[in-house]
Amino acid sequence: MKTSTQQRPSSRKSSDTGTRYVYLFNQVEEAEKKVGGDWDKVRGLLGGKGANLADMTRLGVPVCPGFTVTTEACNLYLSGNGFPDEVWQQQLAAIADVEEATGKKFADSANPLLVSCRSGAKFSMPGMMDTVLNIGLNDEVAQAWVKRGGEERFVYDSYRRLVQMFGSVVLDLPDESFESVITERREGAGVRSDAELSAQDWIVVTEQFKDIIKTQTGTDFPMDPYQQLKLATEAVFRSWRGKRAIDYRKATGIPDDLGTAVTIQTMVFGNMGNDCATGVAMSRNASTGEPELEGDFLLNAQGEDVVAGIRQTEPLSELKRQMPEAYAEFEAITKQLENHYRNMQDMEFTIEKGKLWLLQTRDGKRTAQAEVRIAVDMVEEGLISKEEAVRRVQPSQV
């Protein structure tokens, strides 16, 4: 029985320079070796997101398998020679490793591996870069998933998200073109929230989204998962030179020549049902510095919904009530990460069928008041020295 929607591109020999451009999350020691053990240089190579995902993997934190395409690959691409073949061949090899780790197959309708493609520069640039989720879905995969018992609404909600993100991020189409379709669908169904739309609604919306791409670009949405992945990777590379990213770098003093890494990671789904969720959290109160978890989450949603503001989020205290086991695990992990990084953490997470996964951690931004409180508390907790606390707090913050 034929289950593959596309054949894997051949790993042909190319003008390989011998440079390593791709690192699996469990290969962080190799990345450290490449740059001489300097963690700041690891962040420069893998980006902040990729470096910390690899570091969390090493710590035993629940992180889905994946890999990072380095900033060196980005700069090679931006030098104007197209998508370097040696980079693509290394991505194909890494996908095979992720398949082995997950027991799933990319571009396979019987047991599909779906991945996300996210940007991740050395320095955090919130909202300035691009993300494409659910890469690997197409008509054949979606139909087969439903036939195998996949919940139809979830499958087509995920599929329409891929088409929408691909259109806006990869093809640079205005997001309003897609959002207006959803708004019209909600109004026609007489509902206020996307969560109330039915499976049939999302099936229709997915087709409308594909029509938008065809009408506005003259080309079809690609059914080949490998083409989806390659084009999404290129789009993240290009986003480094996007106006938003350039303006942000100018405003914050981030050098233009760093490039961005690209993180490819196995998808986990917060939109698979009411035992699923996605959210963002700070390990301490970012306003006051009080040592308590704070953040927001959504049941039955994907991560972009939390930051997009299309649904009313709930506070983490509600997650503690609704999913006490997942919350307790998350609380323990935040302590582990604070102890490791010796700083307040800003985290993203997804819960799929009750199972917690960390998608990102980074040092959290905080007010001057919080900076002072956190520094004092961390001295008392034995995480940092008094000397380091003094260095962290500027005179103007006291």
Protein backbone atom coordinates (compact mmCIF):
# COMPACT_ATOMS: atom_id res chain seq x y z
CA MET A 1 0.00 0.00 0.00
CA LYS A 2 1.37 3.38 -0.95
CA THR A 3 1.43 5.70 2.05
CA SER A 4 3.99 8.31 1.08
CA THR A 5 2.58 11.55 -0.28
CA GLN A 6 5.97 12.43 -1.76
CA GLN A 7 9.30 10.68 -2.20
CA ARG A 8 12.16 11.97 -0.07
CA PRO A 9 14.49 14.15 -2.19
CA SER A 10 17.72 12.34 -2.99
CA SER A 11 20.72 13.06 -0.78
CA ARG A 12 22.96 13.63 -3.78
CA LYS A 13 26.53 14.76 -3.47
CA SER A 14 26.99 18.50 -3.74
CA SER A 15 29.75 21.07 -3.53
CA ASP A 16 29.99 20.27 0.19
CA THR A 17 32.31 22.64 1.99
CA GLY A 18 32.53 20.34 5.00
CA THR A 19 30.87 22.97 7.19
CA ARG A 20 28.32 21.77 9.71
CA TYR A 21 25.09 23.76 9.29
CA VAL A 22 22.55 21.62 11.17
CA TYR A 23 22.54 20.39 14.79
CA LEU A 24 19.99 18.10 16.41
CA PHE A 25 18.80 19.20 19.84
CA ASN A 26 20.76 16.33 21.39
CA GLN A 27 24.00 17.47 19.72
CA VAL A 28 24.59 20.57 21.84
CA GLU A 29 28.00 19.29 22.94
CA GLU A 30 29.09 19.20 19.30
CA ALA A 31 27.96 22.80 18.84
CA GLU A 32 29.89 23.77 21.98
CA LYS A 33 32.98 22.03 20.64
CA LYS A 34 32.72 23.89 17.32
CA VAL A 35 32.86 27.29 19.06
CA GLY A 36 35.34 26.38 21.78
CA GLY A 37 32.87 25.87 24.62
CA ASP A 38 31.75 29.50 24.85
CA TRP A 39 27.98 29.50 25.50
CA ASP A 40 27.59 33.01 24.10
CA LYS A 41 29.06 31.73 20.84
CA VAL A 42 26.72 28.73 20.92
CA ARG A 43 23.85 31.22 21.07
CA GLY A 44 25.42 33.05 18.15
CA LEU A 45 25.52 29.81 16.15
CA LEU A 46 22.17 28.22 17.11
CA GLY A 47 20.26 31.36 18.09
CA GLY A 48 18.79 31.85 21.53
CA LYS A 49 15.81 29.58 20.89
CA GLY A 50 17.80 26.72 19.36
CA ALA A 51 20.55 26.90 21.98
CA ASN A 52 18.13 26.80 24.88
CA LEU A 53 16.03 24.00 23.37
CA ALA A 54 19.22 21.96 23.04
CA ASP A 55 20.26 22.89 26.57
CA MET A 56 16.84 21.91 27.97
CA THR A 57 17.09 18.59 26.10
CA ARG A 58 20.41 17.98 27.84
CA LEU A 59 18.79 18.81 31.20
CA GLY A 60 16.06 16.23 30.63
CA VAL A 61 13.27 18.79 30.30
CA PRO A 62 10.44 17.50 28.05
CA VAL A 63 11.32 18.97 24.64
CA CYS A 64 10.07 17.50 21.36
CA PRO A 65 12.80 16.22 19.02
CA GLY A 66 14.09 18.68 16.47
CA PHE A 67 17.10 20.45 15.04
CA THR A 68 18.46 23.90 14.34
CA VAL A 69 19.81 25.30 11.07
CA THR A 70 22.60 27.68 12.04
CA THR A 71 23.01 31.42 11.60
CA GLU A 72 25.96 30.59 9.33
CA ALA A 73 23.51 28.90 6.95
CA CYS A 74 21.32 32.02 7.04
CA ASN A 75 24.22 34.29 6.14
CA LEU A 76 25.30 31.90 3.39
CA TYR A 77 21.78 32.04 1.94
CA LEU A 78 21.62 35.83 2.23
CA SER A 79 24.94 36.15 0.40
CA GLY A 80 22.89 35.70 -2.75
CA ASN A 81 23.65 32.19 -3.99
CA GLY A 82 20.19 30.71 -3.44
CA PHE A 83 19.42 27.88 -1.01
CA PRO A 84 22.77 26.14 -0.44
CA ASP A 85 22.50 22.47 -1.39
CA GLU A 86 24.75 21.33 1.45
CA VAL A 87 22.39 22.99 3.95
CA TRP A 88 19.37 21.25 2.45
CA GLN A 89 21.11 17.86 2.41
CA GLN A 90 21.92 18.26 6.11
CA GLN A 91 18.28 19.19 6.83
CA LEU A 92 17.13 16.02 5.07
CA ALA A 93 19.51 13.93 7.18
CA ALA A 94 18.24 15.64 10.34
CA ILE A 95 14.61 14.98 9.36
CA ALA A 96 15.51 11.28 9.08
CA ASP A 97 16.97 11.42 12.61
CA VAL A 98 13.79 13.05 13.94
CA GLU A 99 11.72 10.37 12.19
CA GLU A 100 13.73 7.71 14.01
CA ALA A 101 13.31 9.50 17.36
CA THR A 102 9.54 9.92 16.98
CA GLY A 103 8.60 6.77 15.09
CA LYS A 104 6.81 8.95 12.53
CA LYS A 105 7.53 9.67 8.87
CA PHE A 106 7.67 13.04 7.14
CA ALA A 107 5.59 13.21 3.94
CA ASP A 108 3.76 10.01 4.92
CA SER A 109 0.00 9.79 5.11
CA ALA A 110 -0.10 6.67 7.31
CA ASN A 111 1.96 8.00 10.24
CA PRO A 112 2.81 11.63 9.47
CA LEU A 113 5.54 13.65 11.14
CA LEU A 114 4.51 17.31 11.25
CA VAL A 115 6.99 20.02 12.17
CA SER A 116 7.16 23.71 12.99
CA CYS A 117 9.64 26.14 11.48
CA ARG A 118 10.61 29.05 13.75
CA SER A 119 13.14 31.83 13.63
CA GLY A 120 15.55 32.32 16.50
CA ALA A 121 18.29 34.94 16.48
CA LYS A 122 20.99 35.24 19.14
CA PHE A 123 19.12 38.11 20.77
CA SER A 124 15.41 37.90 21.43
CA MET A 125 13.34 39.84 18.92
CA PRO A 126 9.75 39.26 20.10
CA GLY A 127 7.20 39.38 17.32
CA MET A 128 9.79 40.52 14.83
CA MET A 129 10.46 37.22 13.08
CA ASP A 130 8.36 34.45 11.55
CA THR A 131 6.82 31.06 12.34
CA VAL A 132 5.10 28.38 10.25
CA LEU A 133 3.31 25.53 12.06
CA ASN A 134 2.00 22.12 10.95
CA ILE A 135 4.40 21.67 8.01
CA GLY A 136 3.77 18.30 6.39
CA LEU A 137 -0.01 18.53 6.18
CA ASN A 138 -1.65 18.33 2.77
CA ASP A 139 -4.90 17.03 1.32
CA GLU A 140 -3.81 13.38 1.39
CA VAL A 141 -2.39 13.51 4.93
CA ALA A 142 -5.45 15.31 6.29
CA GLN A 143 -7.91 12.88 4.70
CA ALA A 144 -5.94 9.83 5.86
CA TRP A 145 -5.67 11.22 9.38
CA VAL A 146 -9.44 11.59 9.63
CA LYS A 147 -9.99 8.08 8.23
CA ARG A 148 -7.68 6.70 10.93
CA GLY A 149 -9.88 8.28 13.58
CA GLY A 150 -8.33 11.72 13.89
CA GLU A 151 -10.83 14.30 15.13
CA GLU A 152 -11.91 16.07 11.95
CA ARG A 153 -12.20 19.52 13.46
CA PHE A 154 -8.68 19.34 14.89
CA VAL A 155 -7.18 18.08 11.62
CA TYR A 156 -8.67 20.84 9.49
CA ASP A 157 -8.09 23.55 12.08
CA SER A 158 -4.41 22.52 11.93
CA TYR A 159 -4.42 22.37 8.12
CA ARG A 160 -5.97 25.82 7.66
CA ARG A 161 -3.34 27.24 10.06
CA LEU A 162 -0.56 25.85 7.87
CA VAL A 163 -2.09 27.30 4.71
CA GLN A 164 -2.67 30.67 6.42
CA MET A 165 0.84 30.91 7.88
CA PHE A 166 2.39 29.72 4.64
CA GLY A 167 0.48 32.37 2.75
CA SER A 168 1.36 35.23 5.09
CA VAL A 169 4.93 34.25 6.06
CA VAL A 170 6.30 32.44 3.02
CA LEU A 171 4.34 34.14 0.24
CA ASP A 172 4.07 37.52 1.99
CA LEU A 173 0.33 37.81 1.45
CA PRO A 174 -1.60 40.19 3.73
CA ASP A 175 -2.89 38.33 6.78
CA GLU A 176 -6.12 40.32 6.50
CA SER A 177 -6.96 38.30 3.38
CA PHE A 178 -7.19 35.20 5.55
CA GLU A 179 -8.58 36.72 8.74
CA SER A 180 -11.50 38.27 6.85
CA VAL A 181 -12.52 34.79 5.68
CA ILE A 182 -12.57 33.53 9.28
CA THR A 183 -14.50 36.58 10.47
CA GLU A 184 -17.08 36.06 7.73
CA ARG A 185 -17.34 32.39 8.65
CA ARG A 186 -17.91 33.18 12.34
CA GLU A 187 -20.59 35.70 11.49
CA GLY A 188 -22.30 33.25 9.15
CA ALA A 189 -22.25 30.55 11.82
CA GLY A 190 -23.50 32.97 14.47
CA VAL A 191 -20.56 32.33 16.81
CA ARG A 192 -18.12 34.69 18.54
CA SER A 193 -15.01 32.52 18.83
CA ASP A 194 -12.91 30.47 16.41
CA ALA A 195 -13.17 27.65 18.95
CA GLU A 196 -16.89 27.42 18.20
CA LEU A 197 -16.43 26.81 14.46
CA SER A 198 -17.14 23.26 13.29
CA ALA A 199 -15.08 20.76 11.34
CA GLN A 200 -17.06 21.60 8.23
CA ASP A 201 -16.34 25.29 8.76
CA TRP A 202 -12.59 24.62 8.82
CA ILE A 203 -12.77 22.35 5.77
CA VAL A 204 -14.42 25.17 3.82
CA VAL A 205 -12.00 27.78 5.22
CA THR A 206 -8.99 25.64 4.23
CA GLU A 207 -10.22 25.49 0.64
CA GLN A 208 -10.89 29.24 0.63
CA PHE A 209 -7.35 29.86 1.91
CA LYS A 210 -5.89 27.74 -0.90
CA ASP A 211 -8.00 29.72 -3.37
CA ILE A 212 -6.59 32.98 -1.96
CA ILE A 213 -3.04 31.74 -2.55
CA LYS A 214 -3.87 30.64 -6.09
CA THR A 215 -5.64 33.92 -6.91
CA GLN A 216 -3.02 36.24 -5.43
CA THR A 217 0.14 34.38 -6.52
CA GLY A 218 -0.90 32.38 -9.57
CA THR A 219 0.51 29.22 -7.97
CA ASP A 220 -1.04 26.47 -5.87
CA PHE A 221 -0.35 25.87 -2.20
CA PRO A 222 2.39 23.19 -2.31
CA MET A 223 1.25 19.68 -1.49
CA ASP A 224 4.84 18.42 -1.24
CA PRO A 225 5.89 18.55 2.46
CA TYR A 226 9.55 18.84 1.51
CA GLN A 227 8.79 21.89 -0.61
CA GLN A 228 6.80 23.35 2.29
CA LEU A 229 9.79 22.86 4.61
CA LYS A 230 12.36 24.27 2.22
CA LEU A 231 10.29 27.34 1.36
CA ALA A 232 9.49 27.98 5.04
CA THR A 233 13.19 27.79 5.94
CA GLU A 234 14.00 30.28 3.19
CA ALA A 235 11.25 32.60 4.43
CA VAL A 236 12.73 32.63 7.94
CA PHE A 237 16.16 33.41 6.49
CA ARG A 238 14.65 36.28 4.47
CA SER A 239 12.80 37.61 7.51
CA TRP A 240 16.16 38.72 8.92
CA ARG A 241 16.12 41.42 6.26
CA GLY A 242 12.44 42.27 6.70
CA LYS A 243 11.56 45.84 7.61
CA ARG A 244 10.22 44.95 11.07
CA ALA A 245 13.38 43.06 11.95
CA ILE A 246 15.66 45.81 10.62
CA ASP A 247 13.75 48.53 12.49
CA TYR A 248 13.85 46.49 15.71
CA ARG A 249 17.61 45.93 15.40
CA LYS A 250 18.19 49.63 14.84
CA ALA A 251 16.10 50.50 17.89
CA THR A 252 17.84 47.98 20.15
CA GLY A 253 21.39 48.06 18.82
CA ILE A 254 21.46 44.47 17.56
CA PRO A 255 24.12 44.02 14.83
CA ASP A 256 22.83 43.41 11.30
CA ASP A 257 25.36 40.70 10.43
CA LEU A 258 24.37 38.07 13.01
CA GLY A 259 21.69 36.34 10.92
CA THR A 260 18.95 34.16 12.35
CA ALA A 261 18.92 30.45 13.05
CA VAL A 262 15.94 28.29 12.03
CA THR A 263 14.52 25.77 14.47
CA ILE A 264 12.63 22.78 13.03
CA GLN A 265 10.74 20.86 15.71
CA THR A 266 8.22 18.04 15.96
CA MET A 267 4.74 19.45 16.37
CA VAL A 268 2.78 18.91 19.55
CA PHE A 269 -0.80 20.04 19.54
CA GLY A 270 -2.57 22.22 22.04
CA ASN A 271 -5.66 22.22 19.81
CA MET A 272 -6.44 18.50 19.90
CA GLY A 273 -9.18 18.76 22.54
CA ASN A 274 -10.01 20.05 25.99
CA ASP A 275 -7.18 18.08 27.60
CA CYS A 276 -4.80 20.18 25.53
CA ALA A 277 -3.56 23.73 26.04
CA THR A 278 -0.89 26.22 25.11
CA GLY A 279 0.50 29.16 27.02
CA VAL A 280 3.26 31.54 28.03
CA ALA A 281 4.59 32.08 31.52
CA MET A 282 7.13 33.95 33.62
CA SER A 283 8.78 32.12 36.50
CA ARG A 284 8.34 35.26 38.65
CA ASN A 285 6.08 38.28 38.53
CA ALA A 286 7.61 40.56 35.90
CA SER A 287 6.11 43.69 37.47
CA THR A 288 6.86 43.15 41.16
CA GLY A 289 9.44 40.37 41.17
CA GLU A 290 7.30 38.28 43.51
CA PRO A 291 8.36 34.60 43.34
CA GLU A 292 5.21 33.23 41.75
CA LEU A 293 4.36 31.82 38.35
CA GLU A 294 2.41 34.23 36.16
CA GLY A 295 1.16 33.88 32.63
CA ASP A 296 -1.70 33.09 30.31
CA PHE A 297 -2.97 30.01 28.52
CA LEU A 298 -5.73 28.78 26.26
CA LEU A 299 -7.42 25.40 26.21
CA ASN A 300 -7.72 23.68 22.83
CA ALA A 301 -5.53 26.18 20.96
CA GLN A 302 -2.17 26.56 19.25
CA GLY A 303 0.53 28.91 20.48
CA GLU A 304 -0.09 31.69 18.00
CA ASP A 305 -3.60 32.13 19.41
CA VAL A 306 -2.22 33.25 22.78
CA VAL A 307 -0.17 36.11 21.37
CA ALA A 308 -2.56 37.00 18.53
CA GLY A 309 -5.30 38.09 20.92
CA ILE A 310 -8.06 36.38 18.93
CA ARG A 311 -9.36 34.62 22.06
CA GLN A 312 -9.59 35.69 25.68
CA THR A 313 -6.77 33.96 27.56
CA GLU A 314 -7.03 32.57 31.09
CA PRO A 315 -4.53 33.04 33.95
CA LEU A 316 -2.21 30.20 34.95
CA SER A 317 -4.08 29.86 38.23
CA GLU A 318 -6.93 28.43 36.18
CA LEU A 319 -4.57 25.89 34.60
CA LYS A 320 -3.68 24.75 38.12
CA ARG A 321 -7.36 24.06 38.71
CA GLN A 322 -8.10 22.40 35.37
CA MET A 323 -4.88 20.39 34.86
CA PRO A 324 -3.25 20.02 38.29
CA GLU A 325 -0.74 17.33 37.27
CA ALA A 326 0.56 19.25 34.25
CA TYR A 327 0.70 22.44 36.31
CA ALA A 328 2.69 20.76 39.09
CA GLU A 329 5.18 19.41 36.54
CA PHE A 330 5.48 22.84 34.93
CA GLU A 331 6.06 24.46 38.32
CA ALA A 332 8.88 22.00 39.05
CA ILE A 333 10.46 22.60 35.64
CA THR A 334 10.44 26.38 36.12
CA LYS A 335 12.41 25.90 39.35
CA GLN A 336 14.84 23.63 37.52
CA LEU A 337 15.34 26.20 34.76
CA GLU A 338 15.79 29.08 37.21
CA ASN A 339 18.39 27.08 39.10
CA HIS A 340 20.19 26.32 35.84
CA TYR A 341 20.10 29.77 34.26
CA ARG A 342 20.13 31.67 37.59
CA ASN A 343 17.60 34.12 36.22
CA MET A 344 13.88 34.65 35.84
CA GLN A 345 12.61 32.66 32.85
CA ASP A 346 10.11 33.53 30.11
CA MET A 347 8.68 30.24 28.82
CA GLU A 348 6.34 28.87 26.17
CA PHE A 349 4.61 25.52 26.62
CA THR A 350 2.07 23.18 25.07
CA ILE A 351 0.05 20.43 26.71
CA GLU A 352 -1.07 17.62 24.38
CA LYS A 353 -3.48 15.07 25.85
CA GLY A 354 -2.31 16.00 29.34
CA LYS A 355 1.42 15.73 28.49
CA LEU A 356 3.54 18.86 29.05
CA TRP A 357 6.15 20.04 26.52
CA LEU A 358 8.43 23.09 26.70
CA LEU A 359 8.79 25.04 23.45
CA GLN A 360 11.08 27.82 24.61
CA THR A 361 12.80 29.42 27.56
CA ARG A 362 14.75 32.66 27.78
CA ASP A 363 15.67 35.23 30.40
CA GLY A 364 12.53 37.26 31.10
CA LYS A 365 12.19 41.01 30.80
CA ARG A 366 11.10 42.75 34.00
CA THR A 367 10.52 46.18 35.53
CA ALA A 368 13.17 47.98 37.56
CA GLN A 369 11.19 47.20 40.71
CA ALA A 370 11.12 43.51 39.82
CA GLU A 371 14.84 43.51 39.00
CA VAL A 372 15.70 44.66 42.52
CA ARG A 373 13.33 42.18 44.19
CA ILE A 374 14.53 39.27 42.07
CA ALA A 375 18.20 40.06 42.68
CA VAL A 376 17.68 40.21 46.45
CA ASP A 377 15.59 37.02 46.50
CA MET A 378 18.08 35.09 44.37
CA VAL A 379 20.90 36.01 46.74
CA GLU A 380 18.82 34.68 49.64
CA GLU A 381 18.02 31.54 47.63
CA GLY A 382 21.72 30.96 46.95
CA LEU A 383 21.34 31.26 43.17
CA ILE A 384 23.60 34.31 42.76
CA SER A 385 26.22 36.09 44.84
CA LYS A 386 25.80 39.53 46.38
CA GLU A 387 28.40 40.81 43.90
CA GLU A 388 26.38 39.54 40.95
CA ALA A 389 23.21 41.04 42.39
CA VAL A 390 24.92 44.42 42.56
CA ARG A 391 26.04 44.08 38.93
CA ARG A 392 22.50 43.23 37.80
CA VAL A 393 20.84 46.22 39.45
CA GLN A 394 21.57 49.61 37.92
CA PRO A 395 21.73 52.63 40.27
CA SER A 396 18.74 54.15 38.47
CA GLN A 397 16.67 51.07 39.37
CA VAL A 398 17.12 51.48 43.12
